[in-house]
Amino acid sequence: MFQGDVEKIAQAMDSTTNFVNATILERQLKLQPPSYVSCLVEAGNKKRKGRSEHYQSMKNYNSKWLQAITSCEIHPAFMPCDHLEPCDEKTCSCVKNKFFCNKACAWGPKSKNFFRGCACKAGECRTSSCPCFAANRECDPDLCRSCGACCDPPNQLANTQRCRNDNISMRRHAHLLLAKSSINAAGWGLYTKHALRKGSYVQEYVGEVISQEEAERRGIIYDKLNMSYLFNLSSDYTVDATRKGNKVRYANHCSDEPNCEAKMIRVNGDMRIGLFAKVDIDAQSEVRQYITINFA
């Protein structure tokens, strides 16, 4: 344990270094040479090896589970799994309901179904090569190791950080305006102040989160009023922007030339609704979306 250090040997024996050296020569002892550097290098190699074994990319997931998760359009409300046995089809509620396990689940990163984020380089978090983007998830700074998500301040567009897949969580929405719609008899319409490129984040669709039963009751009333701001969030809940919402509810339906589309994005474990540019949009143009079955 002294690594050939004569001073430490003398200190442990409560003697002098001259006495220790004399004893070594007299008995012809061989001290182990110091190996601090080699120990550090070996420890570093072990640490990197353990990290690489712990990390798993998308291709290492169970292919059956991955296909079920990516093919499902409407999920039930998410509840973290809580069980003693490892995650599988019988024990894990996340696998049964076609979710990835996350940080709130009992097994966490130890689960085979745990979503481990991405390791993208600059500009790759807005393409299908990013595991987060491909799975309709925003990058999580706790999971994504190198993309730089959530580094720039919130409430403004990202300028210096490399990741461009944290828009909803950091509220990096576009500047929107309200004015009379160019669509006949549509009332108010939503317009962009600045030009937007294809794939750009417009804003989040927000409102009251109500049950499907309450949505059915309100839907009967809204149909009589010829208006509805209901959007299916999951098989259990719906977002109603009638009383509590933002400007996005004024984005009118247009089946001919829609320039935006709504996407279901998972953000920090919660399902959120984001509006994204489907094509390049000129400044001061009306935001038009094609309403799909997601609207109740």
C-alpha atoms as a PDB file:
ATOM      1  CA  MET A   1       0.000   0.000   0.000  1.00  0.00           C
ATOM      2  CA  PHE A   2       3.050   2.287   0.308  1.00  0.00           C
ATOM      3  CA  GLN A   3       3.779   2.046  -3.447  1.00  0.00           C
ATOM      4  CA  GLY A   4       7.558   2.042  -2.742  1.00  0.00           C
ATOM      5  CA  ASP A   5       7.429   5.348  -0.848  1.00  0.00           C
ATOM      6  CA  VAL A   6      10.260   5.203   1.739  1.00  0.00           C
ATOM      7  CA  GLU A   7       9.007   8.286   3.584  1.00  0.00           C
ATOM      8  CA  LYS A   8       5.559   6.738   4.175  1.00  0.00           C
ATOM      9  CA  ILE A   9       7.193   3.494   5.360  1.00  0.00           C
ATOM     10  CA  ALA A  10       9.386   5.407   7.812  1.00  0.00           C
ATOM     11  CA  GLN A  11       6.414   7.423   9.061  1.00  0.00           C
ATOM     12  CA  ALA A  12       4.352   4.265   9.622  1.00  0.00           C
ATOM     13  CA  MET A  13       7.274   2.655  11.531  1.00  0.00           C
ATOM     14  CA  ASP A  14       7.926   5.845  13.507  1.00  0.00           C
ATOM     15  CA  SER A  15      11.500   5.761  12.262  1.00  0.00           C
ATOM     16  CA  THR A  16      13.771   7.642   9.903  1.00  0.00           C
ATOM     17  CA  THR A  17      14.253   7.257   6.142  1.00  0.00           C
ATOM     18  CA  ASN A  18      17.966   6.470   6.709  1.00  0.00           C
ATOM     19  CA  PHE A  19      17.056   3.496   8.897  1.00  0.00           C
ATOM     20  CA  VAL A  20      14.538   2.226   6.313  1.00  0.00           C
ATOM     21  CA  ASN A  21      17.066   2.521   3.473  1.00  0.00           C
ATOM     22  CA  ALA A  22      19.700   0.741   5.543  1.00  0.00           C
ATOM     23  CA  THR A  23      17.299  -2.089   6.340  1.00  0.00           C
ATOM     24  CA  ILE A  24      16.396  -2.458   2.633  1.00  0.00           C
ATOM     25  CA  LEU A  25      20.063  -2.730   1.660  1.00  0.00           C
ATOM     26  CA  GLU A  26      20.888  -5.108   4.496  1.00  0.00           C
ATOM     27  CA  ARG A  27      18.054  -7.526   3.723  1.00  0.00           C
ATOM     28  CA  GLN A  28      18.193  -6.956  -0.048  1.00  0.00           C
ATOM     29  CA  LEU A  29      14.514  -6.100  -0.263  1.00  0.00           C
ATOM     30  CA  LYS A  30      12.804  -4.964  -3.483  1.00  0.00           C
ATOM     31  CA  LEU A  31      10.164  -2.283  -3.144  1.00  0.00           C
ATOM     32  CA  GLN A  32       7.241  -2.074  -5.547  1.00  0.00           C
ATOM     33  CA  PRO A  33       7.728   0.929  -7.853  1.00  0.00           C
ATOM     34  CA  PRO A  34       5.075   3.694  -7.740  1.00  0.00           C
ATOM     35  CA  SER A  35       2.194   3.082 -10.154  1.00  0.00           C
ATOM     36  CA  TYR A  36      -0.140   6.033  -9.566  1.00  0.00           C
ATOM     37  CA  VAL A  37      -0.491   6.904 -13.249  1.00  0.00           C
ATOM     38  CA  SER A  38      -1.240   3.362 -14.387  1.00  0.00           C
ATOM     39  CA  CYS A  39      -3.866   2.975 -11.674  1.00  0.00           C
ATOM     40  CA  LEU A  40      -5.603   6.178 -12.775  1.00  0.00           C
ATOM     41  CA  VAL A  41      -5.575   5.132 -16.415  1.00  0.00           C
ATOM     42  CA  GLU A  42      -6.949   1.708 -15.553  1.00  0.00           C
ATOM     43  CA  ALA A  43      -9.673   3.226 -13.394  1.00  0.00           C
ATOM     44  CA  GLY A  44     -10.587   5.626 -16.183  1.00  0.00           C
ATOM     45  CA  ASN A  45     -10.853   2.778 -18.678  1.00  0.00           C
ATOM     46  CA  LYS A  46     -13.114   0.847 -16.334  1.00  0.00           C
ATOM     47  CA  LYS A  47     -15.341   3.892 -15.890  1.00  0.00           C
ATOM     48  CA  ARG A  48     -15.738   4.468 -19.607  1.00  0.00           C
ATOM     49  CA  LYS A  49     -16.412   0.785 -20.176  1.00  0.00           C
ATOM     50  CA  GLY A  50     -19.156   0.757 -17.579  1.00  0.00           C
ATOM     51  CA  ARG A  51     -20.740   3.876 -19.076  1.00  0.00           C
ATOM     52  CA  SER A  52     -20.810   2.435 -22.579  1.00  0.00           C
ATOM     53  CA  GLU A  53     -22.373  -0.795 -21.331  1.00  0.00           C
ATOM     54  CA  HIS A  54     -24.991   1.117 -19.363  1.00  0.00           C
ATOM     55  CA  TYR A  55     -26.011   3.279 -22.317  1.00  0.00           C
ATOM     56  CA  GLN A  56     -28.304   1.781 -24.942  1.00  0.00           C
ATOM     57  CA  SER A  57     -29.315   3.292 -28.291  1.00  0.00           C
ATOM     58  CA  MET A  58     -32.724   2.901 -29.953  1.00  0.00           C
ATOM     59  CA  LYS A  59     -31.562  -0.185 -31.862  1.00  0.00           C
ATOM     60  CA  ASN A  60     -30.965  -2.018 -28.567  1.00  0.00           C
ATOM     61  CA  TYR A  61     -34.579  -1.779 -27.415  1.00  0.00           C
ATOM     62  CA  ASN A  62     -36.964  -4.683 -27.621  1.00  0.00           C
ATOM     63  CA  SER A  63     -38.153  -4.493 -31.255  1.00  0.00           C
ATOM     64  CA  LYS A  64     -41.651  -5.706 -30.375  1.00  0.00           C
ATOM     65  CA  TRP A  65     -42.105  -3.045 -27.695  1.00  0.00           C
ATOM     66  CA  LEU A  66     -40.621  -0.331 -29.895  1.00  0.00           C
ATOM     67  CA  GLN A  67     -42.956  -1.124 -32.781  1.00  0.00           C
ATOM     68  CA  ALA A  68     -45.986  -1.082 -30.477  1.00  0.00           C
ATOM     69  CA  ILE A  69     -44.997   2.298 -29.011  1.00  0.00           C
ATOM     70  CA  THR A  70     -44.284   4.020 -32.331  1.00  0.00           C
ATOM     71  CA  SER A  71     -47.429   2.676 -34.038  1.00  0.00           C
ATOM     72  CA  CYS A  72     -49.843   3.789 -31.293  1.00  0.00           C
ATOM     73  CA  GLU A  73     -51.505   7.172 -31.979  1.00  0.00           C
ATOM     74  CA  ILE A  74     -53.734   7.650 -28.924  1.00  0.00           C
ATOM     75  CA  HIS A  75     -52.395   6.464 -25.563  1.00  0.00           C
ATOM     76  CA  PRO A  76     -54.154   6.258 -22.213  1.00  0.00           C
ATOM     77  CA  ALA A  77     -53.125   8.650 -19.454  1.00  0.00           C
ATOM     78  CA  PHE A  78     -49.562   7.920 -18.346  1.00  0.00           C
ATOM     79  CA  MET A  79     -48.937   6.512 -14.878  1.00  0.00           C
ATOM     80  CA  PRO A  80     -45.386   5.488 -13.879  1.00  0.00           C
ATOM     81  CA  CYS A  81     -45.003   1.756 -13.393  1.00  0.00           C
ATOM     82  CA  ASP A  82     -44.420   0.477  -9.853  1.00  0.00           C
ATOM     83  CA  HIS A  83     -43.513  -3.205  -9.432  1.00  0.00           C
ATOM     84  CA  LEU A  84     -40.800  -5.343  -7.845  1.00  0.00           C
ATOM     85  CA  GLU A  85     -39.991  -7.562 -10.836  1.00  0.00           C
ATOM     86  CA  PRO A  86     -38.076  -6.349 -13.925  1.00  0.00           C
ATOM     87  CA  CYS A  87     -40.148  -4.719 -16.660  1.00  0.00           C
ATOM     88  CA  ASP A  88     -41.830  -7.106 -19.107  1.00  0.00           C
ATOM     89  CA  GLU A  89     -45.219  -7.628 -20.769  1.00  0.00           C
ATOM     90  CA  LYS A  90     -46.736  -9.106 -17.613  1.00  0.00           C
ATOM     91  CA  THR A  91     -45.461  -6.807 -14.864  1.00  0.00           C
ATOM     92  CA  CYS A  92     -44.920  -3.373 -16.452  1.00  0.00           C
ATOM     93  CA  SER A  93     -47.908  -1.077 -17.045  1.00  0.00           C
ATOM     94  CA  CYS A  94     -45.759   1.074 -19.353  1.00  0.00           C
ATOM     95  CA  VAL A  95     -45.150  -1.861 -21.704  1.00  0.00           C
ATOM     96  CA  LYS A  96     -48.836  -2.830 -21.594  1.00  0.00           C
ATOM     97  CA  ASN A  97     -49.981   0.731 -22.396  1.00  0.00           C
ATOM     98  CA  LYS A  98     -47.271   1.214 -25.065  1.00  0.00           C
ATOM     99  CA  PHE A  99     -45.125   3.740 -23.216  1.00  0.00           C
ATOM    100  CA  PHE A 100     -41.420   4.049 -22.599  1.00  0.00           C
ATOM    101  CA  CYS A 101     -40.474   3.909 -18.921  1.00  0.00           C
ATOM    102  CA  ASN A 102     -39.137   7.219 -17.614  1.00  0.00           C
ATOM    103  CA  LYS A 103     -37.394   8.714 -14.585  1.00  0.00           C
ATOM    104  CA  ALA A 104     -40.507   8.431 -12.397  1.00  0.00           C
ATOM    105  CA  CYS A 105     -40.867   4.672 -12.899  1.00  0.00           C
ATOM    106  CA  ALA A 106     -39.808   2.212 -10.212  1.00  0.00           C
ATOM    107  CA  TRP A 107     -36.928   0.649 -12.150  1.00  0.00           C
ATOM    108  CA  GLY A 108     -35.905   3.881 -13.891  1.00  0.00           C
ATOM    109  CA  PRO A 109     -32.684   3.564 -15.959  1.00  0.00           C
ATOM    110  CA  LYS A 110     -32.388  -0.106 -14.953  1.00  0.00           C
ATOM    111  CA  SER A 111     -35.469  -0.987 -16.990  1.00  0.00           C
ATOM    112  CA  LYS A 112     -35.055  -2.480 -20.466  1.00  0.00           C
ATOM    113  CA  ASN A 113     -37.973  -0.256 -21.527  1.00  0.00           C
ATOM    114  CA  PHE A 114     -36.358   2.963 -20.268  1.00  0.00           C
ATOM    115  CA  PHE A 115     -35.999   5.753 -22.854  1.00  0.00           C
ATOM    116  CA  ARG A 116     -32.356   6.833 -22.713  1.00  0.00           C
ATOM    117  CA  GLY A 117     -32.439  10.041 -24.764  1.00  0.00           C
ATOM    118  CA  CYS A 118     -30.123  10.902 -27.634  1.00  0.00           C
ATOM    119  CA  ALA A 119     -26.456  11.611 -28.240  1.00  0.00           C
ATOM    120  CA  CYS A 120     -26.885  13.861 -31.269  1.00  0.00           C
ATOM    121  CA  LYS A 121     -24.380  16.328 -32.643  1.00  0.00           C
ATOM    122  CA  ALA A 122     -25.107  19.864 -33.819  1.00  0.00           C
ATOM    123  CA  GLY A 123     -28.340  20.248 -35.770  1.00  0.00           C
ATOM    124  CA  GLU A 124     -29.368  16.574 -35.671  1.00  0.00           C
ATOM    125  CA  CYS A 125     -32.173  16.873 -33.105  1.00  0.00           C
ATOM    126  CA  ARG A 126     -34.688  17.959 -35.760  1.00  0.00           C
ATOM    127  CA  THR A 127     -34.292  14.920 -38.013  1.00  0.00           C
ATOM    128  CA  SER A 128     -35.400  11.304 -37.830  1.00  0.00           C
ATOM    129  CA  SER A 129     -31.842  10.289 -36.908  1.00  0.00           C
ATOM    130  CA  CYS A 130     -32.506  11.690 -33.413  1.00  0.00           C
ATOM    131  CA  PRO A 131     -34.154   9.014 -31.194  1.00  0.00           C
ATOM    132  CA  CYS A 132     -36.112  11.701 -29.326  1.00  0.00           C
ATOM    133  CA  PHE A 133     -37.456  13.354 -32.484  1.00  0.00           C
ATOM    134  CA  ALA A 134     -38.268   9.975 -34.068  1.00  0.00           C
ATOM    135  CA  ALA A 135     -40.254   8.966 -30.968  1.00  0.00           C
ATOM    136  CA  ASN A 136     -42.172  12.302 -30.867  1.00  0.00           C
ATOM    137  CA  ARG A 137     -40.431  13.361 -27.684  1.00  0.00           C
ATOM    138  CA  GLU A 138     -38.598  16.524 -26.720  1.00  0.00           C
ATOM    139  CA  CYS A 139     -34.969  16.237 -25.683  1.00  0.00           C
ATOM    140  CA  ASP A 140     -34.487  15.947 -21.929  1.00  0.00           C
ATOM    141  CA  PRO A 141     -31.271  17.483 -20.517  1.00  0.00           C
ATOM    142  CA  ASP A 142     -31.230  14.744 -17.850  1.00  0.00           C
ATOM    143  CA  LEU A 143     -31.116  12.020 -20.513  1.00  0.00           C
ATOM    144  CA  CYS A 144     -29.651  13.529 -23.667  1.00  0.00           C
ATOM    145  CA  ARG A 145     -25.905  13.496 -23.139  1.00  0.00           C
ATOM    146  CA  SER A 146     -24.440  15.823 -25.731  1.00  0.00           C
ATOM    147  CA  CYS A 147     -27.080  17.729 -27.723  1.00  0.00           C
ATOM    148  CA  GLY A 148     -27.212  20.704 -25.320  1.00  0.00           C
ATOM    149  CA  ALA A 149     -30.982  20.817 -24.773  1.00  0.00           C
ATOM    150  CA  CYS A 150     -32.401  23.596 -22.557  1.00  0.00           C
ATOM    151  CA  CYS A 151     -29.125  25.540 -22.379  1.00  0.00           C
ATOM    152  CA  ASP A 152     -30.464  28.840 -23.764  1.00  0.00           C
ATOM    153  CA  PRO A 153     -32.875  30.932 -21.631  1.00  0.00           C
ATOM    154  CA  PRO A 154     -36.623  30.194 -21.951  1.00  0.00           C
ATOM    155  CA  ASN A 155     -39.267  32.382 -23.629  1.00  0.00           C
ATOM    156  CA  GLN A 156     -37.038  33.102 -26.623  1.00  0.00           C
ATOM    157  CA  LEU A 157     -35.711  31.324 -29.685  1.00  0.00           C
ATOM    158  CA  ALA A 158     -32.593  29.212 -29.239  1.00  0.00           C
ATOM    159  CA  ASN A 159     -29.487  30.946 -30.585  1.00  0.00           C
ATOM    160  CA  THR A 160     -26.326  29.432 -29.122  1.00  0.00           C
ATOM    161  CA  GLN A 161     -27.365  25.903 -28.100  1.00  0.00           C
ATOM    162  CA  ARG A 162     -27.114  23.097 -30.642  1.00  0.00           C
ATOM    163  CA  CYS A 163     -30.397  21.326 -29.844  1.00  0.00           C
ATOM    164  CA  ARG A 164     -33.614  22.539 -31.495  1.00  0.00           C
ATOM    165  CA  ASN A 165     -35.951  20.001 -29.930  1.00  0.00           C
ATOM    166  CA  ASP A 166     -36.914  21.682 -26.639  1.00  0.00           C
ATOM    167  CA  ASN A 167     -39.436  24.245 -27.901  1.00  0.00           C
ATOM    168  CA  ILE A 168     -42.504  23.353 -25.845  1.00  0.00           C
ATOM    169  CA  SER A 169     -40.742  22.902 -22.520  1.00  0.00           C
ATOM    170  CA  MET A 170     -38.763  26.149 -22.958  1.00  0.00           C
ATOM    171  CA  ARG A 171     -41.694  28.075 -24.525  1.00  0.00           C
ATOM    172  CA  ARG A 172     -39.824  29.016 -27.715  1.00  0.00           C
ATOM    173  CA  HIS A 173     -42.985  29.852 -29.673  1.00  0.00           C
ATOM    174  CA  ALA A 174     -43.405  32.198 -32.638  1.00  0.00           C
ATOM    175  CA  HIS A 175     -44.879  35.709 -32.418  1.00  0.00           C
ATOM    176  CA  LEU A 176     -48.557  35.364 -33.367  1.00  0.00           C
ATOM    177  CA  LEU A 177     -51.245  37.955 -34.164  1.00  0.00           C
ATOM    178  CA  LEU A 178     -55.056  37.955 -34.217  1.00  0.00           C
ATOM    179  CA  ALA A 179     -57.051  39.492 -37.070  1.00  0.00           C
ATOM    180  CA  LYS A 180     -60.100  38.831 -39.232  1.00  0.00           C
ATOM    181  CA  SER A 181     -59.673  35.546 -41.063  1.00  0.00           C
ATOM    182  CA  SER A 182     -59.243  35.432 -44.827  1.00  0.00           C
ATOM    183  CA  ILE A 183     -61.464  32.336 -44.854  1.00  0.00           C
ATOM    184  CA  ASN A 184     -65.088  33.199 -45.568  1.00  0.00           C
ATOM    185  CA  ALA A 185     -67.343  33.280 -42.457  1.00  0.00           C
ATOM    186  CA  ALA A 186     -64.545  31.973 -40.244  1.00  0.00           C
ATOM    187  CA  GLY A 187     -64.457  34.959 -37.867  1.00  0.00           C
ATOM    188  CA  TRP A 188     -61.109  35.536 -36.182  1.00  0.00           C
ATOM    189  CA  GLY A 189     -57.898  34.096 -37.600  1.00  0.00           C
ATOM    190  CA  LEU A 190     -54.333  33.504 -36.460  1.00  0.00           C
ATOM    191  CA  TYR A 191     -51.401  35.142 -38.262  1.00  0.00           C
ATOM    192  CA  THR A 192     -47.628  34.945 -37.954  1.00  0.00           C
ATOM    193  CA  LYS A 193     -45.683  38.175 -37.489  1.00  0.00           C
ATOM    194  CA  HIS A 194     -42.437  36.777 -38.923  1.00  0.00           C
ATOM    195  CA  ALA A 195     -41.702  34.214 -41.601  1.00  0.00           C
ATOM    196  CA  LEU A 196     -41.464  30.578 -40.516  1.00  0.00           C
ATOM    197  CA  ARG A 197     -39.567  27.725 -42.103  1.00  0.00           C
ATOM    198  CA  LYS A 198     -40.929  24.238 -42.619  1.00  0.00           C
ATOM    199  CA  GLY A 199     -40.864  22.306 -39.339  1.00  0.00           C
ATOM    200  CA  SER A 200     -40.691  25.441 -37.180  1.00  0.00           C
ATOM    201  CA  TYR A 201     -42.544  25.411 -33.874  1.00  0.00           C
ATOM    202  CA  VAL A 202     -45.555  27.758 -33.874  1.00  0.00           C
ATOM    203  CA  GLN A 203     -47.074  27.406 -30.396  1.00  0.00           C
ATOM    204  CA  GLU A 204     -48.651  24.941 -27.980  1.00  0.00           C
ATOM    205  CA  TYR A 205     -52.359  24.179 -27.958  1.00  0.00           C
ATOM    206  CA  VAL A 206     -53.418  24.644 -24.317  1.00  0.00           C
ATOM    207  CA  GLY A 207     -56.666  24.606 -22.362  1.00  0.00           C
ATOM    208  CA  GLU A 208     -58.579  22.778 -19.656  1.00  0.00           C
ATOM    209  CA  VAL A 209     -57.701  19.100 -19.281  1.00  0.00           C
ATOM    210  CA  ILE A 210     -61.040  17.322 -18.864  1.00  0.00           C
ATOM    211  CA  SER A 211     -62.223  13.722 -18.957  1.00  0.00           C
ATOM    212  CA  GLN A 212     -63.648  12.130 -22.079  1.00  0.00           C
ATOM    213  CA  GLU A 213     -67.077  11.961 -20.411  1.00  0.00           C
ATOM    214  CA  GLU A 214     -67.046  15.705 -19.763  1.00  0.00           C
ATOM    215  CA  ALA A 215     -65.838  16.294 -23.313  1.00  0.00           C
ATOM    216  CA  GLU A 216     -68.824  14.362 -24.657  1.00  0.00           C
ATOM    217  CA  ARG A 217     -71.201  16.476 -22.557  1.00  0.00           C
ATOM    218  CA  ARG A 218     -69.610  19.765 -23.660  1.00  0.00           C
ATOM    219  CA  GLY A 219     -69.400  18.595 -27.261  1.00  0.00           C
ATOM    220  CA  ILE A 220     -73.186  18.397 -27.517  1.00  0.00           C
ATOM    221  CA  ILE A 221     -73.419  22.048 -26.458  1.00  0.00           C
ATOM    222  CA  TYR A 222     -70.590  23.175 -28.752  1.00  0.00           C
ATOM    223  CA  ASP A 223     -72.205  21.452 -31.745  1.00  0.00           C
ATOM    224  CA  LYS A 224     -75.359  23.482 -31.213  1.00  0.00           C
ATOM    225  CA  LEU A 225     -73.260  26.667 -31.049  1.00  0.00           C
ATOM    226  CA  ASN A 226     -71.352  25.598 -34.205  1.00  0.00           C
ATOM    227  CA  MET A 227     -67.995  25.904 -32.402  1.00  0.00           C
ATOM    228  CA  SER A 228     -65.600  23.493 -30.746  1.00  0.00           C
ATOM    229  CA  TYR A 229     -62.098  23.760 -29.299  1.00  0.00           C
ATOM    230  CA  LEU A 230     -61.816  20.169 -28.035  1.00  0.00           C
ATOM    231  CA  PHE A 231     -58.612  18.247 -28.776  1.00  0.00           C
ATOM    232  CA  ASN A 232     -58.044  14.624 -27.726  1.00  0.00           C
ATOM    233  CA  LEU A 233     -54.977  14.443 -25.490  1.00  0.00           C
ATOM    234  CA  SER A 234     -55.270  10.730 -24.682  1.00  0.00           C
ATOM    235  CA  SER A 235     -57.921   8.039 -24.542  1.00  0.00           C
ATOM    236  CA  ASP A 236     -58.793   9.309 -21.056  1.00  0.00           C
ATOM    237  CA  TYR A 237     -58.448  13.102 -21.316  1.00  0.00           C
ATOM    238  CA  THR A 238     -59.253  15.971 -23.690  1.00  0.00           C
ATOM    239  CA  VAL A 239     -58.012  19.557 -23.895  1.00  0.00           C
ATOM    240  CA  ASP A 240     -60.786  22.182 -24.037  1.00  0.00           C
ATOM    241  CA  ALA A 241     -59.574  25.648 -25.076  1.00  0.00           C
ATOM    242  CA  THR A 242     -63.041  27.257 -25.048  1.00  0.00           C
ATOM    243  CA  ARG A 243     -62.769  29.013 -21.673  1.00  0.00           C
ATOM    244  CA  LYS A 244     -59.052  28.702 -20.966  1.00  0.00           C
ATOM    245  CA  GLY A 245     -56.725  28.734 -23.930  1.00  0.00           C
ATOM    246  CA  ASN A 246     -54.322  30.825 -25.997  1.00  0.00           C
ATOM    247  CA  LYS A 247     -54.206  32.259 -29.513  1.00  0.00           C
ATOM    248  CA  VAL A 248     -53.702  28.866 -31.133  1.00  0.00           C
ATOM    249  CA  ARG A 249     -57.396  28.074 -30.785  1.00  0.00           C
ATOM    250  CA  TYR A 250     -58.031  30.682 -33.493  1.00  0.00           C
ATOM    251  CA  ALA A 251     -56.083  28.682 -36.075  1.00  0.00           C
ATOM    252  CA  ASN A 252     -58.866  27.863 -38.542  1.00  0.00           C
ATOM    253  CA  HIS A 253     -59.460  24.638 -40.413  1.00  0.00           C
ATOM    254  CA  CYS A 254     -58.483  24.538 -44.066  1.00  0.00           C
ATOM    255  CA  SER A 255     -58.570  21.327 -46.119  1.00  0.00           C
ATOM    256  CA  ASP A 256     -57.269  22.914 -49.344  1.00  0.00           C
ATOM    257  CA  GLU A 257     -53.920  24.463 -48.408  1.00  0.00           C
ATOM    258  CA  PRO A 258     -53.068  23.857 -44.741  1.00  0.00           C
ATOM    259  CA  ASN A 259     -49.685  25.284 -43.737  1.00  0.00           C
ATOM    260  CA  CYS A 260     -49.516  23.870 -40.189  1.00  0.00           C
ATOM    261  CA  GLU A 261     -50.103  20.578 -38.425  1.00  0.00           C
ATOM    262  CA  ALA A 262     -50.684  19.561 -34.821  1.00  0.00           C
ATOM    263  CA  LYS A 263     -48.390  16.947 -33.263  1.00  0.00           C
ATOM    264  CA  MET A 264     -48.596  15.024 -30.007  1.00  0.00           C
ATOM    265  CA  ILE A 265     -45.247  15.496 -28.269  1.00  0.00           C
ATOM    266  CA  ARG A 266     -44.160  13.919 -24.995  1.00  0.00           C
ATOM    267  CA  VAL A 267     -42.412  16.492 -22.805  1.00  0.00           C
ATOM    268  CA  ASN A 268     -40.839  15.397 -19.505  1.00  0.00           C
ATOM    269  CA  GLY A 269     -43.272  12.496 -19.268  1.00  0.00           C
ATOM    270  CA  ASP A 270     -46.419  14.501 -20.139  1.00  0.00           C
ATOM    271  CA  MET A 271     -48.259  14.522 -23.454  1.00  0.00           C
ATOM    272  CA  ARG A 272     -48.462  18.008 -25.002  1.00  0.00           C
ATOM    273  CA  ILE A 273     -49.946  19.356 -28.239  1.00  0.00           C
ATOM    274  CA  GLY A 274     -47.703  21.443 -30.465  1.00  0.00           C
ATOM    275  CA  LEU A 275     -48.472  23.279 -33.700  1.00  0.00           C
ATOM    276  CA  PHE A 276     -45.699  23.104 -36.322  1.00  0.00           C
ATOM    277  CA  ALA A 277     -45.235  24.656 -39.753  1.00  0.00           C
ATOM    278  CA  LYS A 278     -45.977  22.147 -42.490  1.00  0.00           C
ATOM    279  CA  VAL A 279     -44.458  24.333 -45.229  1.00  0.00           C
ATOM    280  CA  ASP A 280     -42.533  27.598 -45.406  1.00  0.00           C
ATOM    281  CA  ILE A 281     -44.826  30.411 -44.201  1.00  0.00           C
ATOM    282  CA  ASP A 282     -44.388  34.029 -45.240  1.00  0.00           C
ATOM    283  CA  ALA A 283     -44.561  36.857 -42.695  1.00  0.00           C
ATOM    284  CA  GLN A 284     -48.071  38.061 -41.761  1.00  0.00           C
ATOM    285  CA  SER A 285     -49.676  34.970 -43.275  1.00  0.00           C
ATOM    286  CA  GLU A 286     -52.667  33.230 -41.757  1.00  0.00           C
ATOM    287  CA  VAL A 287     -52.051  29.987 -39.895  1.00  0.00           C
ATOM    288  CA  ARG A 288     -54.281  27.282 -41.344  1.00  0.00           C
ATOM    289  CA  GLN A 289     -54.377  23.682 -40.211  1.00  0.00           C
ATOM    290  CA  TYR A 290     -56.148  20.560 -41.359  1.00  0.00           C
ATOM    291  CA  ILE A 291     -58.299  19.305 -38.475  1.00  0.00           C
ATOM    292  CA  THR A 292     -57.956  15.547 -38.081  1.00  0.00           C
ATOM    293  CA  ILE A 293     -59.731  13.035 -35.888  1.00  0.00           C
ATOM    294  CA  ASN A 294     -57.690  14.270 -32.920  1.00  0.00           C
ATOM    295  CA  PHE A 295     -60.219  17.056 -32.581  1.00  0.00           C
ATOM    296  CA  ALA A 296     -63.238  15.774 -30.722  1.00  0.00           C
END
